[in-house]
Amino acid sequence: MKKMILLLLALLFTTSFAQEPNSPKKMPTRFQAVPFSQAQILQKGEDRLYCKICGMTLPMFYKTNHAGDVNGTTEQYCSIHCLAESMSEHNVTNIKVVDVKTLKFIDAKSAWYVVGSTKAGTMSKVSKYAFSTKEDAQAFAKKFSGDVKSFDEVLKLVQGNLAKESGMIHKKQAMMAKKGKMMFSKMCKPVKKSFGSVAEAKAYVKANDICGNIKGKKLQAIALYLNDRNSTK
């Protein structure tokens, strides 16, 4: 009986962590996700696969990806929430968003969004998916519910809820970082390096193989801990 309970717990633990779709043959189950081979990564650097604000793996949330230029450098975000976070601190120009239908980046200011569909949101309980034409957005809304809005309308909505949603996200990240600390102590080699972002920490862990072949939420939790460790020293 004890062995059976341990086996069930192991299965639950494994399935609770999202796996990164690192092979074109392995199709992701998350609606926002696409295989790495289909994701258009506009930013450069060792941490290019991760959101500049929260560190989430971009292909895992590709259908809500946004991008923009900050001080002449392109940054890519997992969501319009993280774009708004960046805009609260920087002048972000040349803003783009992924068109859900074509999976290509388009000019965000001319895009049409479906807000509040039955599909899951990214960094928010309220989903926001973009399309190049109003007709495509209306068709999506008809199938999955939601309201069709312009970029300016959606951005205003997001900015109005930014403080509240960011507070909720930071609480969840703090809890995840605590789990990351425990996993790091058991699974990883010591690291003295300081990191400037979750994305940087995540890229370092993967590139240097300090925790073995970890993915998904395990990798995110450890990276959150390593980044948070800088501010708590």
C-alpha atoms as a PDB file:
ATOM      1  CA  MET A   1       0.000   0.000   0.000  1.00  0.00           C
ATOM      2  CA  LYS A   2       2.833   2.390   0.891  1.00  0.00           C
ATOM      3  CA  LYS A   3       4.525   1.763  -2.480  1.00  0.00           C
ATOM      4  CA  MET A   4       1.250   2.420  -4.306  1.00  0.00           C
ATOM      5  CA  ILE A   5       0.751   5.761  -2.487  1.00  0.00           C
ATOM      6  CA  LEU A   6       4.311   6.827  -3.294  1.00  0.00           C
ATOM      7  CA  LEU A   7       3.785   5.886  -6.944  1.00  0.00           C
ATOM      8  CA  LEU A   8       0.570   7.938  -7.135  1.00  0.00           C
ATOM      9  CA  LEU A   9       2.302  10.926  -5.544  1.00  0.00           C
ATOM     10  CA  ALA A  10       5.146  10.643  -8.030  1.00  0.00           C
ATOM     11  CA  LEU A  11       2.706  10.602 -10.934  1.00  0.00           C
ATOM     12  CA  LEU A  12       0.857  13.647  -9.595  1.00  0.00           C
ATOM     13  CA  PHE A  13       4.144  15.508  -9.090  1.00  0.00           C
ATOM     14  CA  THR A  14       5.267  14.720 -12.640  1.00  0.00           C
ATOM     15  CA  THR A  15       2.035  15.777 -14.338  1.00  0.00           C
ATOM     16  CA  SER A  16       1.731  18.987 -12.289  1.00  0.00           C
ATOM     17  CA  PHE A  17       4.820  20.438 -13.932  1.00  0.00           C
ATOM     18  CA  ALA A  18       4.371  21.682 -17.515  1.00  0.00           C
ATOM     19  CA  GLN A  19       6.895  20.168 -19.889  1.00  0.00           C
ATOM     20  CA  GLU A  20       8.640  22.347 -22.427  1.00  0.00           C
ATOM     21  CA  PRO A  21       7.823  21.319 -26.016  1.00  0.00           C
ATOM     22  CA  ASN A  22      11.478  20.978 -27.021  1.00  0.00           C
ATOM     23  CA  SER A  23      10.741  18.599 -29.882  1.00  0.00           C
ATOM     24  CA  PRO A  24       8.591  19.283 -32.958  1.00  0.00           C
ATOM     25  CA  LYS A  25       7.188  15.761 -32.566  1.00  0.00           C
ATOM     26  CA  LYS A  26       5.874  16.505 -29.086  1.00  0.00           C
ATOM     27  CA  MET A  27       2.758  18.652 -29.395  1.00  0.00           C
ATOM     28  CA  PRO A  28       1.999  20.874 -26.384  1.00  0.00           C
ATOM     29  CA  THR A  29      -1.340  20.589 -24.602  1.00  0.00           C
ATOM     30  CA  ARG A  30      -1.524  24.195 -23.363  1.00  0.00           C
ATOM     31  CA  PHE A  31      -3.564  26.313 -25.798  1.00  0.00           C
ATOM     32  CA  GLN A  32      -1.020  29.148 -25.766  1.00  0.00           C
ATOM     33  CA  ALA A  33       1.886  26.831 -26.507  1.00  0.00           C
ATOM     34  CA  VAL A  34       3.547  25.838 -29.768  1.00  0.00           C
ATOM     35  CA  PRO A  35       6.550  23.579 -30.448  1.00  0.00           C
ATOM     36  CA  PHE A  36       9.849  25.453 -30.245  1.00  0.00           C
ATOM     37  CA  SER A  37      10.296  25.039 -33.997  1.00  0.00           C
ATOM     38  CA  GLN A  38       7.154  27.111 -34.653  1.00  0.00           C
ATOM     39  CA  ALA A  39       7.914  29.954 -32.256  1.00  0.00           C
ATOM     40  CA  GLN A  40       9.342  33.174 -33.687  1.00  0.00           C
ATOM     41  CA  ILE A  41      11.925  34.504 -31.224  1.00  0.00           C
ATOM     42  CA  LEU A  42      12.756  38.130 -31.974  1.00  0.00           C
ATOM     43  CA  GLN A  43      15.100  38.910 -29.097  1.00  0.00           C
ATOM     44  CA  LYS A  44      18.764  37.964 -28.857  1.00  0.00           C
ATOM     45  CA  GLY A  45      21.047  36.662 -26.133  1.00  0.00           C
ATOM     46  CA  GLU A  46      21.455  33.519 -24.052  1.00  0.00           C
ATOM     47  CA  ASP A  47      18.117  34.168 -22.333  1.00  0.00           C
ATOM     48  CA  ARG A  48      16.221  34.772 -25.597  1.00  0.00           C
ATOM     49  CA  LEU A  49      13.762  31.905 -24.968  1.00  0.00           C
ATOM     50  CA  TYR A  50      12.408  33.539 -21.824  1.00  0.00           C
ATOM     51  CA  CYS A  51      10.144  36.501 -21.053  1.00  0.00           C
ATOM     52  CA  LYS A  52      12.198  39.536 -20.075  1.00  0.00           C
ATOM     53  CA  ILE A  53       9.866  40.371 -17.191  1.00  0.00           C
ATOM     54  CA  CYS A  54       8.758  37.117 -15.555  1.00  0.00           C
ATOM     55  CA  GLY A  55      11.115  34.551 -17.102  1.00  0.00           C
ATOM     56  CA  MET A  56       8.357  32.301 -18.470  1.00  0.00           C
ATOM     57  CA  THR A  57       9.374  30.144 -21.439  1.00  0.00           C
ATOM     58  CA  LEU A  58       8.135  32.028 -24.514  1.00  0.00           C
ATOM     59  CA  PRO A  59       7.102  29.075 -26.736  1.00  0.00           C
ATOM     60  CA  MET A  60       4.973  27.750 -23.865  1.00  0.00           C
ATOM     61  CA  PHE A  61       2.876  30.936 -24.019  1.00  0.00           C
ATOM     62  CA  TYR A  62       3.580  31.860 -27.624  1.00  0.00           C
ATOM     63  CA  LYS A  63       0.030  32.701 -28.710  1.00  0.00           C
ATOM     64  CA  THR A  64       0.012  35.596 -26.226  1.00  0.00           C
ATOM     65  CA  ASN A  65       3.582  36.770 -26.932  1.00  0.00           C
ATOM     66  CA  HIS A  66       4.282  40.466 -27.404  1.00  0.00           C
ATOM     67  CA  ALA A  67       7.512  42.245 -28.330  1.00  0.00           C
ATOM     68  CA  GLY A  68       8.840  45.780 -28.377  1.00  0.00           C
ATOM     69  CA  ASP A  69      12.004  47.847 -28.590  1.00  0.00           C
ATOM     70  CA  VAL A  70      13.545  49.196 -25.376  1.00  0.00           C
ATOM     71  CA  ASN A  71      16.512  51.526 -25.818  1.00  0.00           C
ATOM     72  CA  GLY A  72      17.165  50.088 -29.262  1.00  0.00           C
ATOM     73  CA  THR A  73      16.997  46.441 -28.146  1.00  0.00           C
ATOM     74  CA  THR A  74      14.100  44.103 -28.912  1.00  0.00           C
ATOM     75  CA  GLU A  75      12.493  42.480 -25.889  1.00  0.00           C
ATOM     76  CA  GLN A  76       9.915  39.694 -26.007  1.00  0.00           C
ATOM     77  CA  TYR A  77       7.204  39.078 -23.431  1.00  0.00           C
ATOM     78  CA  CYS A  78       4.917  36.162 -22.657  1.00  0.00           C
ATOM     79  CA  SER A  79       1.851  38.396 -22.376  1.00  0.00           C
ATOM     80  CA  ILE A  80       0.403  41.877 -22.646  1.00  0.00           C
ATOM     81  CA  HIS A  81       0.625  41.994 -18.848  1.00  0.00           C
ATOM     82  CA  CYS A  82       4.412  41.726 -18.969  1.00  0.00           C
ATOM     83  CA  LEU A  83       4.488  44.247 -21.825  1.00  0.00           C
ATOM     84  CA  ALA A  84       2.567  46.670 -19.605  1.00  0.00           C
ATOM     85  CA  GLU A  85       5.029  45.991 -16.761  1.00  0.00           C
ATOM     86  CA  SER A  86       7.876  46.937 -19.069  1.00  0.00           C
ATOM     87  CA  MET A  87       6.004  50.032 -20.304  1.00  0.00           C
ATOM     88  CA  SER A  88       5.601  51.215 -16.713  1.00  0.00           C
ATOM     89  CA  GLU A  89       9.394  51.552 -16.486  1.00  0.00           C
ATOM     90  CA  HIS A  90      10.559  52.088 -20.073  1.00  0.00           C
ATOM     91  CA  ASN A  91       9.589  53.729 -23.321  1.00  0.00           C
ATOM     92  CA  VAL A  92       8.602  50.680 -25.394  1.00  0.00           C
ATOM     93  CA  THR A  93       8.261  51.278 -29.141  1.00  0.00           C
ATOM     94  CA  ASN A  94       7.516  49.174 -32.239  1.00  0.00           C
ATOM     95  CA  ILE A  95       5.113  46.973 -30.275  1.00  0.00           C
ATOM     96  CA  LYS A  96       4.187  43.656 -31.877  1.00  0.00           C
ATOM     97  CA  VAL A  97       1.891  40.764 -30.954  1.00  0.00           C
ATOM     98  CA  VAL A  98       1.484  37.208 -32.225  1.00  0.00           C
ATOM     99  CA  ASP A  99      -1.502  36.663 -34.502  1.00  0.00           C
ATOM    100  CA  VAL A 100      -3.165  33.508 -33.151  1.00  0.00           C
ATOM    101  CA  LYS A 101      -4.257  32.434 -36.640  1.00  0.00           C
ATOM    102  CA  THR A 102      -0.916  32.689 -38.463  1.00  0.00           C
ATOM    103  CA  LEU A 103       1.486  32.492 -35.475  1.00  0.00           C
ATOM    104  CA  LYS A 104       3.366  35.470 -36.950  1.00  0.00           C
ATOM    105  CA  PHE A 105       4.143  38.765 -35.250  1.00  0.00           C
ATOM    106  CA  ILE A 106       2.022  41.702 -36.394  1.00  0.00           C
ATOM    107  CA  ASP A 107       1.744  45.386 -35.480  1.00  0.00           C
ATOM    108  CA  ALA A 108      -0.052  45.350 -32.120  1.00  0.00           C
ATOM    109  CA  LYS A 109      -1.670  48.753 -32.622  1.00  0.00           C
ATOM    110  CA  SER A 110      -3.591  47.491 -35.647  1.00  0.00           C
ATOM    111  CA  ALA A 111      -4.482  44.125 -34.082  1.00  0.00           C
ATOM    112  CA  TRP A 112      -7.877  43.070 -32.772  1.00  0.00           C
ATOM    113  CA  TYR A 113      -8.048  41.287 -29.416  1.00  0.00           C
ATOM    114  CA  VAL A 114     -10.558  38.866 -27.949  1.00  0.00           C
ATOM    115  CA  VAL A 115     -10.792  39.537 -24.219  1.00  0.00           C
ATOM    116  CA  GLY A 116     -12.295  37.054 -21.775  1.00  0.00           C
ATOM    117  CA  SER A 117     -12.595  33.945 -23.948  1.00  0.00           C
ATOM    118  CA  THR A 118     -12.919  30.469 -22.476  1.00  0.00           C
ATOM    119  CA  LYS A 119      -9.267  29.830 -23.347  1.00  0.00           C
ATOM    120  CA  ALA A 120      -6.753  30.284 -20.518  1.00  0.00           C
ATOM    121  CA  GLY A 121      -5.145  33.643 -19.874  1.00  0.00           C
ATOM    122  CA  THR A 122      -1.420  34.304 -19.495  1.00  0.00           C
ATOM    123  CA  MET A 123      -0.340  36.151 -16.325  1.00  0.00           C
ATOM    124  CA  SER A 124      -4.013  37.003 -15.847  1.00  0.00           C
ATOM    125  CA  LYS A 125      -7.303  35.260 -15.161  1.00  0.00           C
ATOM    126  CA  VAL A 126      -8.794  37.136 -18.125  1.00  0.00           C
ATOM    127  CA  SER A 127      -7.487  35.837 -21.460  1.00  0.00           C
ATOM    128  CA  LYS A 128      -6.403  38.166 -24.263  1.00  0.00           C
ATOM    129  CA  TYR A 129      -5.703  36.817 -27.760  1.00  0.00           C
ATOM    130  CA  ALA A 130      -4.816  38.920 -30.808  1.00  0.00           C
ATOM    131  CA  PHE A 131      -5.664  38.664 -34.506  1.00  0.00           C
ATOM    132  CA  SER A 132      -4.683  40.598 -37.605  1.00  0.00           C
ATOM    133  CA  THR A 133      -8.282  41.149 -38.721  1.00  0.00           C
ATOM    134  CA  LYS A 134     -11.494  41.989 -36.911  1.00  0.00           C
ATOM    135  CA  GLU A 135     -13.220  39.146 -38.770  1.00  0.00           C
ATOM    136  CA  ASP A 136     -10.778  36.583 -37.351  1.00  0.00           C
ATOM    137  CA  ALA A 137     -11.249  37.996 -33.843  1.00  0.00           C
ATOM    138  CA  GLN A 138     -15.027  37.869 -34.197  1.00  0.00           C
ATOM    139  CA  ALA A 139     -14.887  34.267 -35.402  1.00  0.00           C
ATOM    140  CA  PHE A 140     -12.743  33.310 -32.385  1.00  0.00           C
ATOM    141  CA  ALA A 141     -15.098  35.152 -30.017  1.00  0.00           C
ATOM    142  CA  LYS A 142     -18.097  33.391 -31.547  1.00  0.00           C
ATOM    143  CA  LYS A 143     -16.475  30.012 -30.934  1.00  0.00           C
ATOM    144  CA  PHE A 144     -14.845  30.655 -27.550  1.00  0.00           C
ATOM    145  CA  SER A 145     -16.767  33.684 -26.226  1.00  0.00           C
ATOM    146  CA  GLY A 146     -15.205  37.033 -25.274  1.00  0.00           C
ATOM    147  CA  ASP A 147     -15.317  40.677 -26.378  1.00  0.00           C
ATOM    148  CA  VAL A 148     -13.504  42.066 -29.415  1.00  0.00           C
ATOM    149  CA  LYS A 149     -11.398  45.139 -28.600  1.00  0.00           C
ATOM    150  CA  SER A 150      -8.611  47.261 -30.082  1.00  0.00           C
ATOM    151  CA  PHE A 151      -5.059  47.273 -28.736  1.00  0.00           C
ATOM    152  CA  ASP A 152      -5.517  50.651 -27.049  1.00  0.00           C
ATOM    153  CA  GLU A 153      -8.662  49.416 -25.287  1.00  0.00           C
ATOM    154  CA  VAL A 154      -6.956  46.248 -24.066  1.00  0.00           C
ATOM    155  CA  LEU A 155      -3.797  48.050 -22.950  1.00  0.00           C
ATOM    156  CA  LYS A 156      -5.870  50.535 -20.951  1.00  0.00           C
ATOM    157  CA  LEU A 157      -7.696  47.632 -19.303  1.00  0.00           C
ATOM    158  CA  VAL A 158      -4.445  45.867 -18.458  1.00  0.00           C
ATOM    159  CA  GLN A 159      -2.789  49.011 -17.109  1.00  0.00           C
ATOM    160  CA  GLY A 160      -5.829  49.678 -14.920  1.00  0.00           C
ATOM    161  CA  ASN A 161      -5.518  46.241 -13.309  1.00  0.00           C
ATOM    162  CA  LEU A 162      -1.723  46.093 -13.365  1.00  0.00           C
ATOM    163  CA  ALA A 163      -1.075  46.791  -9.683  1.00  0.00           C
ATOM    164  CA  LYS A 164      -3.678  44.285  -8.494  1.00  0.00           C
ATOM    165  CA  GLU A 165      -2.645  41.520 -10.885  1.00  0.00           C
ATOM    166  CA  SER A 166       1.065  42.110 -10.266  1.00  0.00           C
ATOM    167  CA  GLY A 167       0.497  41.813  -6.520  1.00  0.00           C
ATOM    168  CA  MET A 168      -1.191  38.439  -6.973  1.00  0.00           C
ATOM    169  CA  ILE A 169       1.540  37.254  -9.319  1.00  0.00           C
ATOM    170  CA  HIS A 170       4.327  38.296  -6.963  1.00  0.00           C
ATOM    171  CA  LYS A 171       2.718  36.346  -4.109  1.00  0.00           C
ATOM    172  CA  LYS A 172       2.574  33.223  -6.260  1.00  0.00           C
ATOM    173  CA  GLN A 173       6.166  33.766  -7.380  1.00  0.00           C
ATOM    174  CA  ALA A 174       7.311  34.109  -3.755  1.00  0.00           C
ATOM    175  CA  MET A 175       5.692  30.783  -2.895  1.00  0.00           C
ATOM    176  CA  MET A 176       7.228  29.198  -5.983  1.00  0.00           C
ATOM    177  CA  ALA A 177      10.664  30.590  -5.074  1.00  0.00           C
ATOM    178  CA  LYS A 178      10.443  28.873  -1.667  1.00  0.00           C
ATOM    179  CA  LYS A 179       9.836  25.564  -3.419  1.00  0.00           C
ATOM    180  CA  GLY A 180      12.685  26.434  -5.771  1.00  0.00           C
ATOM    181  CA  LYS A 181      15.021  26.893  -2.807  1.00  0.00           C
ATOM    182  CA  MET A 182      14.224  23.408  -1.509  1.00  0.00           C
ATOM    183  CA  MET A 183      14.649  21.845  -4.950  1.00  0.00           C
ATOM    184  CA  PHE A 184      17.895  23.728  -5.537  1.00  0.00           C
ATOM    185  CA  SER A 185      19.430  22.427  -2.302  1.00  0.00           C
ATOM    186  CA  LYS A 186      18.566  18.831  -3.240  1.00  0.00           C
ATOM    187  CA  MET A 187      19.091  18.788  -7.005  1.00  0.00           C
ATOM    188  CA  CYS A 188      21.642  21.429  -7.999  1.00  0.00           C
ATOM    189  CA  LYS A 189      25.306  22.322  -7.823  1.00  0.00           C
ATOM    190  CA  PRO A 190      26.227  25.425  -5.772  1.00  0.00           C
ATOM    191  CA  VAL A 191      26.038  28.764  -7.618  1.00  0.00           C
ATOM    192  CA  LYS A 192      27.612  31.994  -6.379  1.00  0.00           C
ATOM    193  CA  LYS A 193      26.699  34.065  -9.421  1.00  0.00           C
ATOM    194  CA  SER A 194      24.173  36.914  -9.113  1.00  0.00           C
ATOM    195  CA  PHE A 195      21.447  37.378 -11.713  1.00  0.00           C
ATOM    196  CA  GLY A 196      19.714  40.447 -13.069  1.00  0.00           C
ATOM    197  CA  SER A 197      16.473  38.679 -13.983  1.00  0.00           C
ATOM    198  CA  VAL A 198      14.611  35.386 -13.785  1.00  0.00           C
ATOM    199  CA  ALA A 199      15.282  34.898 -17.494  1.00  0.00           C
ATOM    200  CA  GLU A 200      19.038  35.271 -16.958  1.00  0.00           C
ATOM    201  CA  ALA A 201      18.983  32.783 -14.078  1.00  0.00           C
ATOM    202  CA  LYS A 202      16.942  30.317 -16.101  1.00  0.00           C
ATOM    203  CA  ALA A 203      19.290  30.499 -19.075  1.00  0.00           C
ATOM    204  CA  TYR A 204      22.323  30.011 -16.803  1.00  0.00           C
ATOM    205  CA  VAL A 205      20.822  26.922 -15.135  1.00  0.00           C
ATOM    206  CA  LYS A 206      20.101  25.339 -18.513  1.00  0.00           C
ATOM    207  CA  ALA A 207      23.361  26.312 -20.208  1.00  0.00           C
ATOM    208  CA  ASN A 208      25.558  25.083 -17.341  1.00  0.00           C
ATOM    209  CA  ASP A 209      23.535  21.963 -16.509  1.00  0.00           C
ATOM    210  CA  ILE A 210      23.735  22.687 -12.790  1.00  0.00           C
ATOM    211  CA  CYS A 211      20.430  20.982 -11.958  1.00  0.00           C
ATOM    212  CA  GLY A 212      20.316  18.199 -14.510  1.00  0.00           C
ATOM    213  CA  ASN A 213      17.647  18.007 -17.190  1.00  0.00           C
ATOM    214  CA  ILE A 214      14.938  20.036 -15.450  1.00  0.00           C
ATOM    215  CA  LYS A 215      12.045  21.686 -17.291  1.00  0.00           C
ATOM    216  CA  GLY A 216       8.765  23.486 -16.794  1.00  0.00           C
ATOM    217  CA  LYS A 217       7.764  24.635 -13.323  1.00  0.00           C
ATOM    218  CA  LYS A 218      10.815  23.064 -11.664  1.00  0.00           C
ATOM    219  CA  LEU A 219      13.126  25.214 -13.778  1.00  0.00           C
ATOM    220  CA  GLN A 220      10.945  28.289 -13.235  1.00  0.00           C
ATOM    221  CA  ALA A 221      10.882  27.786  -9.460  1.00  0.00           C
ATOM    222  CA  ILE A 222      14.653  27.388  -9.191  1.00  0.00           C
ATOM    223  CA  ALA A 223      15.266  30.432 -11.394  1.00  0.00           C
ATOM    224  CA  LEU A 224      12.848  32.493  -9.274  1.00  0.00           C
ATOM    225  CA  TYR A 225      14.771  31.456  -6.166  1.00  0.00           C
ATOM    226  CA  LEU A 226      18.166  32.289  -7.668  1.00  0.00           C
ATOM    227  CA  ASN A 227      16.961  35.704  -8.820  1.00  0.00           C
ATOM    228  CA  ASP A 228      15.169  36.400  -5.537  1.00  0.00           C
ATOM    229  CA  ARG A 229      18.287  35.396  -3.613  1.00  0.00           C
ATOM    230  CA  ASN A 230      20.011  38.547  -4.858  1.00  0.00           C
ATOM    231  CA  SER A 231      17.455  40.845  -3.253  1.00  0.00           C
ATOM    232  CA  THR A 232      17.407  38.994   0.078  1.00  0.00           C
ATOM    233  CA  LYS A 233      21.140  38.953   0.724  1.00  0.00           C
END
